[in-house]
Amino acid sequence: MISYPSIDDLLKRYDSRYSLAVLAAKRAHELEKGEPKMLASYESPKSVGQALEEIAKGKVIIDPDSVLLEQEAERKLKKQEED
């Protein structure tokens, strides 16, 4: 279980647990592939924990363009399900 950063601190930045989980997973994959780290030091030795620390510090944000693409994809999927 991750104790730092707290889920309450993270949810102050993003009110959606889903968005937070997706953002953390994407950033963790980037860290595992060798992308540059955004903090001088981390409390967590694991990539997911490091990603969450970066999010808590405001170093990683959701790209508004990707949110729009995600919403469009959801609309298309919903329309396909209705047809």
N, C-alpha and C. Protein backbone atom coordinates (compact mmCIF):
# COMPACT_ATOMS: atom_id res chain seq x y z
N MET A 1 0.84 -1.18 0.00
CA MET A 1 0.00 0.00 0.00
C MET A 1 0.89 1.24 0.00
N ILE A 2 0.50 2.22 -0.78
CA ILE A 2 1.28 3.46 -0.88
C ILE A 2 0.79 4.42 0.20
N SER A 3 1.72 4.87 1.06
CA SER A 3 1.34 5.80 2.11
C SER A 3 1.74 7.24 1.77
N TYR A 4 2.70 7.39 0.89
CA TYR A 4 3.10 8.73 0.46
C TYR A 4 3.24 8.72 -1.05
N PRO A 5 2.68 9.62 -1.73
CA PRO A 5 1.78 10.67 -1.23
C PRO A 5 0.41 10.09 -0.91
N SER A 6 -0.32 10.76 -0.03
CA SER A 6 -1.63 10.24 0.38
C SER A 6 -2.63 10.41 -0.76
N ILE A 7 -3.61 9.55 -0.78
CA ILE A 7 -4.64 9.62 -1.81
C ILE A 7 -5.38 10.95 -1.71
N ASP A 8 -5.54 11.47 -0.50
CA ASP A 8 -6.21 12.76 -0.32
C ASP A 8 -5.45 13.89 -1.00
N ASP A 9 -4.12 13.86 -0.88
CA ASP A 9 -3.30 14.88 -1.55
C ASP A 9 -3.41 14.76 -3.06
N LEU A 10 -3.40 13.54 -3.55
CA LEU A 10 -3.49 13.31 -4.99
C LEU A 10 -4.86 13.72 -5.53
N LEU A 11 -5.91 13.45 -4.77
CA LEU A 11 -7.26 13.80 -5.22
C LEU A 11 -7.53 15.30 -5.17
N LYS A 12 -6.65 16.05 -4.51
CA LYS A 12 -6.75 17.51 -4.56
C LYS A 12 -6.37 18.00 -5.95
N ARG A 13 -5.51 17.27 -6.62
CA ARG A 13 -5.07 17.64 -7.97
C ARG A 13 -6.03 17.13 -9.04
N TYR A 14 -6.52 15.90 -8.85
CA TYR A 14 -7.44 15.29 -9.80
C TYR A 14 -8.58 14.66 -9.02
N ASP A 15 -9.80 15.02 -9.36
CA ASP A 15 -10.94 14.50 -8.61
C ASP A 15 -11.39 13.12 -9.09
N SER A 16 -10.76 12.62 -10.11
CA SER A 16 -11.12 11.31 -10.65
C SER A 16 -10.03 10.29 -10.32
N ARG A 17 -10.39 9.27 -9.58
CA ARG A 17 -9.43 8.21 -9.27
C ARG A 17 -8.98 7.48 -10.54
N TYR A 18 -9.90 7.36 -11.49
CA TYR A 18 -9.57 6.71 -12.76
C TYR A 18 -8.50 7.50 -13.49
N SER A 19 -8.71 8.81 -13.64
CA SER A 19 -7.73 9.65 -14.33
C SER A 19 -6.38 9.59 -13.62
N LEU A 20 -6.42 9.61 -12.31
CA LEU A 20 -5.19 9.55 -11.52
C LEU A 20 -4.46 8.22 -11.75
N ALA A 21 -5.21 7.13 -11.77
CA ALA A 21 -4.60 5.82 -11.98
C ALA A 21 -3.99 5.70 -13.38
N VAL A 22 -4.70 6.20 -14.38
CA VAL A 22 -4.19 6.13 -15.76
C VAL A 22 -2.93 6.99 -15.90
N LEU A 23 -2.97 8.20 -15.34
CA LEU A 23 -1.82 9.09 -15.41
C LEU A 23 -0.61 8.46 -14.71
N ALA A 24 -0.82 7.90 -13.54
CA ALA A 24 0.28 7.27 -12.80
C ALA A 24 0.85 6.08 -13.56
N ALA A 25 -0.02 5.28 -14.16
CA ALA A 25 0.44 4.11 -14.92
C ALA A 25 1.26 4.53 -16.13
N LYS A 26 0.77 5.54 -16.85
CA LYS A 26 1.51 6.01 -18.03
C LYS A 26 2.88 6.55 -17.63
N ARG A 27 2.91 7.34 -16.57
CA ARG A 27 4.19 7.92 -16.14
C ARG A 27 5.13 6.83 -15.62
N ALA A 28 4.58 5.85 -14.90
CA ALA A 28 5.41 4.75 -14.40
C ALA A 28 6.05 3.99 -15.56
N HIS A 29 5.30 3.76 -16.64
CA HIS A 29 5.86 3.09 -17.82
C HIS A 29 6.98 3.93 -18.43
N GLU A 30 6.78 5.24 -18.47
CA GLU A 30 7.83 6.12 -19.01
C GLU A 30 9.10 6.02 -18.16
N LEU A 31 8.94 6.02 -16.84
CA LEU A 31 10.10 5.91 -15.96
C LEU A 31 10.82 4.58 -16.16
N GLU A 32 10.05 3.51 -16.33
CA GLU A 32 10.65 2.19 -16.54
C GLU A 32 11.41 2.11 -17.86
N LYS A 33 10.98 2.91 -18.84
CA LYS A 33 11.66 2.94 -20.14
C LYS A 33 12.88 3.86 -20.14
N GLY A 34 13.13 4.53 -19.01
CA GLY A 34 14.32 5.36 -18.91
C GLY A 34 14.10 6.85 -19.13
N GLU A 35 12.85 7.29 -19.16
CA GLU A 35 12.58 8.73 -19.29
C GLU A 35 13.20 9.46 -18.10
N PRO A 36 13.60 10.71 -18.29
CA PRO A 36 14.21 11.47 -17.19
C PRO A 36 13.26 11.64 -16.00
N LYS A 37 13.82 11.54 -14.82
CA LYS A 37 13.04 11.74 -13.60
C LYS A 37 12.86 13.24 -13.37
N MET A 38 11.75 13.60 -12.75
CA MET A 38 11.40 15.01 -12.57
C MET A 38 11.67 15.54 -11.18
N LEU A 39 12.06 14.68 -10.26
CA LEU A 39 12.36 15.11 -8.89
C LEU A 39 13.80 14.73 -8.56
N ALA A 40 14.39 15.49 -7.66
CA ALA A 40 15.77 15.21 -7.25
C ALA A 40 15.88 13.92 -6.45
N SER A 41 14.86 13.63 -5.64
CA SER A 41 14.88 12.40 -4.85
C SER A 41 13.45 11.91 -4.65
N TYR A 42 13.35 10.62 -4.37
CA TYR A 42 12.05 9.98 -4.20
C TYR A 42 12.04 9.18 -2.92
N GLU A 43 10.87 9.09 -2.30
CA GLU A 43 10.72 8.22 -1.13
C GLU A 43 10.50 6.77 -1.57
N SER A 44 9.85 6.59 -2.72
CA SER A 44 9.53 5.26 -3.20
C SER A 44 10.61 4.74 -4.14
N PRO A 45 10.98 3.48 -4.00
CA PRO A 45 11.93 2.89 -4.94
C PRO A 45 11.26 2.37 -6.21
N LYS A 46 9.94 2.29 -6.20
CA LYS A 46 9.20 1.72 -7.34
C LYS A 46 8.68 2.80 -8.27
N SER A 47 8.56 2.46 -9.53
CA SER A 47 8.17 3.44 -10.55
C SER A 47 6.77 4.02 -10.33
N VAL A 48 5.83 3.21 -9.88
CA VAL A 48 4.48 3.73 -9.65
C VAL A 48 4.49 4.74 -8.51
N GLY A 49 5.19 4.42 -7.45
CA GLY A 49 5.31 5.35 -6.33
C GLY A 49 6.00 6.64 -6.74
N GLN A 50 7.03 6.52 -7.57
CA GLN A 50 7.72 7.71 -8.05
C GLN A 50 6.81 8.55 -8.94
N ALA A 51 6.01 7.90 -9.77
CA ALA A 51 5.06 8.62 -10.62
C ALA A 51 4.05 9.37 -9.75
N LEU A 52 3.55 8.73 -8.71
CA LEU A 52 2.60 9.39 -7.82
C LEU A 52 3.24 10.57 -7.10
N GLU A 53 4.50 10.43 -6.72
CA GLU A 53 5.20 11.55 -6.08
C GLU A 53 5.32 12.73 -7.04
N GLU A 54 5.63 12.45 -8.30
CA GLU A 54 5.72 13.51 -9.31
C GLU A 54 4.37 14.18 -9.52
N ILE A 55 3.31 13.40 -9.52
CA ILE A 55 1.96 13.95 -9.68
C ILE A 55 1.62 14.84 -8.49
N ALA A 56 1.93 14.39 -7.29
CA ALA A 56 1.64 15.16 -6.08
C ALA A 56 2.37 16.50 -6.07
N LYS A 57 3.56 16.52 -6.65
CA LYS A 57 4.35 17.76 -6.70
C LYS A 57 3.99 18.65 -7.89
N GLY A 58 3.04 18.19 -8.71
CA GLY A 58 2.60 18.98 -9.86
C GLY A 58 3.52 18.93 -11.05
N LYS A 59 4.41 17.95 -11.09
CA LYS A 59 5.36 17.81 -12.20
C LYS A 59 4.77 17.07 -13.39
N VAL A 60 3.73 16.28 -13.16
CA VAL A 60 3.08 15.52 -14.22
C VAL A 60 1.62 15.93 -14.24
N ILE A 61 1.13 16.28 -15.42
CA ILE A 61 -0.25 16.71 -15.55
C ILE A 61 -0.92 15.95 -16.68
N ILE A 62 -2.24 15.98 -16.69
CA ILE A 62 -3.00 15.38 -17.78
C ILE A 62 -3.02 16.36 -18.93
N ASP A 63 -2.68 15.88 -20.10
CA ASP A 63 -2.71 16.69 -21.31
C ASP A 63 -4.17 16.94 -21.69
N PRO A 64 -4.59 18.21 -21.72
CA PRO A 64 -6.00 18.48 -22.04
C PRO A 64 -6.42 17.94 -23.40
N ASP A 65 -5.50 17.89 -24.35
CA ASP A 65 -5.83 17.35 -25.67
C ASP A 65 -6.15 15.86 -25.59
N SER A 66 -5.43 15.13 -24.74
CA SER A 66 -5.71 13.70 -24.63
C SER A 66 -7.05 13.47 -23.94
N VAL A 67 -7.45 14.37 -23.04
CA VAL A 67 -8.76 14.25 -22.40
C VAL A 67 -9.85 14.41 -23.44
N LEU A 68 -9.68 15.37 -24.33
CA LEU A 68 -10.67 15.57 -25.39
C LEU A 68 -10.75 14.35 -26.30
N LEU A 69 -9.61 13.78 -26.63
CA LEU A 69 -9.61 12.58 -27.47
C LEU A 69 -10.30 11.42 -26.75
N GLU A 70 -10.07 11.32 -25.45
CA GLU A 70 -10.67 10.27 -24.65
C GLU A 70 -12.20 10.42 -24.63
N GLN A 71 -12.67 11.65 -24.46
CA GLN A 71 -14.10 11.91 -24.45
C GLN A 71 -14.73 11.59 -25.80
N GLU A 72 -14.05 11.93 -26.87
CA GLU A 72 -14.55 11.64 -28.22
C GLU A 72 -14.62 10.12 -28.42
N ALA A 73 -13.62 9.40 -27.97
CA ALA A 73 -13.62 7.94 -28.09
C ALA A 73 -14.77 7.33 -27.31
N GLU A 74 -15.05 7.87 -26.13
CA GLU A 74 -16.15 7.37 -25.32
C GLU A 74 -17.49 7.62 -26.02
N ARG A 75 -17.64 8.79 -26.65
CA ARG A 75 -18.87 9.09 -27.38
C ARG A 75 -19.06 8.12 -28.55
N LYS A 76 -17.98 7.85 -29.28
CA LYS A 76 -18.07 6.93 -30.42
C LYS A 76 -18.43 5.53 -29.95
N LEU A 77 -17.82 5.10 -28.86
CA LEU A 77 -18.11 3.77 -28.33
C LEU A 77 -19.57 3.67 -27.90
N LYS A 78 -20.05 4.69 -27.24
CA LYS A 78 -21.44 4.70 -26.81
C LYS A 78 -22.39 4.66 -28.01
N LYS A 79 -22.06 5.41 -29.06
CA LYS A 79 -22.90 5.41 -30.25
C LYS A 79 -22.90 4.03 -30.91
N GLN A 80 -21.74 3.37 -30.96
CA GLN A 80 -21.66 2.03 -31.55
C GLN A 80 -22.51 1.04 -30.75
N GLU A 81 -22.49 1.19 -29.44
CA GLU A 81 -23.26 0.28 -28.59
C GLU A 81 -24.76 0.48 -28.80
N GLU A 82 -25.17 1.73 -29.10
CA GLU A 82 -26.58 2.01 -29.33
C GLU A 82 -27.07 1.48 -30.67
N ASP A 83 -26.17 1.43 -31.66
CA ASP A 83 -26.55 0.99 -33.02
C ASP A 83 -26.74 -0.50 -33.12
